[in-house]
């Protein structure tokens, strides 16, 4: 296993723990999504401080951001489908484009979009 695989693997395990807490309803979007960024940025900072590892922090940040967003959007879509089956009004009945914007806005700004 090379360094990037090890770092990415540990990062995915940590983020997976956050995902489990999110799914159980312990965290809401405004807690969950910024915490993902904290973990990802922390790993990137480690790479910046250890240049001898030879991995560009921006690449890791981008890969992990996209992986987290993909997982969150799949979860949001599953919840929408579940709510539709139960005939509930779904606050997440928004388009995929809006969900993409919603995730990124919270990820980069730490707050819900206006």
Protein backbone atom coordinates (compact mmCIF):
# COMPACT_ATOMS: atom_id res chain seq x y z
CA UNK A 1 0.00 0.00 0.00
CA UNK A 2 1.37 3.40 -0.89
CA UNK A 3 1.05 6.53 1.27
CA UNK A 4 -1.94 8.05 -0.51
CA UNK A 5 -3.90 4.81 -0.21
CA UNK A 6 -3.16 4.69 3.52
CA UNK A 7 -4.10 8.32 4.10
CA UNK A 8 -7.24 8.06 1.99
CA UNK A 9 -8.21 4.81 3.71
CA UNK A 10 -7.90 6.28 7.20
CA UNK A 11 -9.79 9.37 6.04
CA UNK A 12 -12.62 7.27 4.59
CA UNK A 13 -12.91 5.33 7.87
CA UNK A 14 -13.14 8.54 9.93
CA UNK A 15 -15.66 10.05 7.53
CA UNK A 16 -17.61 6.79 7.60
CA UNK A 17 -17.99 7.16 11.37
CA UNK A 18 -19.43 10.65 10.85
CA UNK A 19 -21.79 9.23 8.21
CA UNK A 20 -23.08 6.61 10.64
CA UNK A 21 -23.85 9.29 13.23
CA UNK A 22 -25.54 11.40 10.56
CA UNK A 23 -27.75 8.52 9.39
CA UNK A 24 -28.91 7.87 12.95
CA UNK A 25 -30.03 11.49 13.21
CA UNK A 26 -27.39 12.56 15.71
CA UNK A 27 -26.13 15.29 13.38
CA UNK A 28 -27.98 17.59 11.02
CA UNK A 29 -26.61 18.98 7.75
CA UNK A 30 -25.18 22.12 9.38
CA UNK A 31 -23.16 19.93 11.78
CA UNK A 32 -22.35 17.04 9.51
CA UNK A 33 -21.15 18.76 6.34
CA UNK A 34 -18.76 21.28 7.99
CA UNK A 35 -17.30 18.45 10.08
CA UNK A 36 -16.52 16.57 6.88
CA UNK A 37 -14.55 19.59 5.71
CA UNK A 38 -12.67 19.84 9.03
CA UNK A 39 -11.51 16.24 8.71
CA UNK A 40 -10.58 16.59 5.03
CA UNK A 41 -8.75 19.88 5.61
CA UNK A 42 -6.89 18.35 8.54
CA UNK A 43 -5.58 15.55 6.33
CA UNK A 44 -4.61 18.11 3.68
CA UNK A 45 -2.75 20.16 6.30
CA UNK A 46 -0.83 17.03 7.29
CA UNK A 47 0.21 16.57 3.67
CA UNK A 48 1.28 20.23 3.43
CA UNK A 49 3.43 19.85 6.54
CA UNK A 50 4.98 16.63 5.25
CA UNK A 51 5.92 17.46 1.68
CA UNK A 52 8.25 14.44 1.55
CA UNK A 53 5.15 12.26 1.19
CA UNK A 54 4.82 13.79 -2.28
CA UNK A 55 1.04 14.05 -2.48
CA UNK A 56 -0.68 17.28 -3.48
CA UNK A 57 -3.13 18.22 -0.70
CA UNK A 58 -5.55 19.77 -3.21
CA UNK A 59 -5.97 16.44 -4.98
CA UNK A 60 -6.88 14.67 -1.75
CA UNK A 61 -9.26 17.48 -0.80
CA UNK A 62 -11.01 17.33 -4.16
CA UNK A 63 -11.31 13.53 -4.22
CA UNK A 64 -12.67 13.36 -0.68
CA UNK A 65 -15.01 16.34 -1.15
CA UNK A 66 -16.52 14.67 -4.22
CA UNK A 67 -16.79 11.31 -2.45
CA UNK A 68 -18.57 12.89 0.53
CA UNK A 69 -20.92 14.87 -1.69
CA UNK A 70 -21.74 11.76 -3.72
CA UNK A 71 -22.56 9.79 -0.57
CA UNK A 72 -24.65 12.66 0.88
CA UNK A 73 -26.60 13.12 -2.36
CA UNK A 74 -27.32 9.38 -2.57
CA UNK A 75 -28.55 9.49 1.03
CA UNK A 76 -30.69 12.59 0.34
CA UNK A 77 -32.23 10.91 -2.72
CA UNK A 78 -32.96 7.75 -0.71
CA UNK A 79 -34.65 9.86 1.96
CA UNK A 80 -36.70 11.67 -0.70
CA UNK A 81 -37.88 8.36 -2.15
CA UNK A 82 -38.71 7.04 1.31
CA UNK A 83 -40.66 10.22 2.14
CA UNK A 84 -42.54 9.98 -1.18
CA UNK A 85 -43.55 6.39 -0.40
CA UNK A 86 -44.86 7.51 2.98
CA UNK A 87 -46.65 10.50 1.38
CA UNK A 88 -44.76 12.94 3.54
CA UNK A 89 -44.00 16.45 2.48
CA UNK A 90 -40.33 16.34 1.81
CA UNK A 91 -38.27 19.43 2.51
CA UNK A 92 -35.60 17.93 0.27
CA UNK A 93 -37.88 17.75 -2.78
CA UNK A 94 -35.43 19.94 -4.62
CA UNK A 95 -33.64 19.34 -7.89
CA UNK A 96 -30.29 17.61 -8.09
CA UNK A 97 -28.73 20.95 -8.99
CA UNK A 98 -30.09 22.52 -5.83
CA UNK A 99 -28.88 19.60 -3.70
CA UNK A 100 -25.43 20.02 -5.24
CA UNK A 101 -25.50 23.75 -4.44
CA UNK A 102 -26.88 23.08 -0.96
CA UNK A 103 -24.08 20.66 -0.05
CA UNK A 104 -21.34 22.88 -1.44
CA UNK A 105 -22.70 26.01 0.23
CA UNK A 106 -22.71 24.36 3.63
CA UNK A 107 -19.32 22.75 2.94
CA UNK A 108 -17.61 26.00 1.97
CA UNK A 109 -19.53 28.52 4.13
CA UNK A 110 -20.75 26.49 7.11
CA UNK A 111 -24.29 27.81 6.81
CA UNK A 112 -27.49 26.91 5.00
CA UNK A 113 -27.97 28.68 1.66
CA UNK A 114 -30.42 31.59 1.58
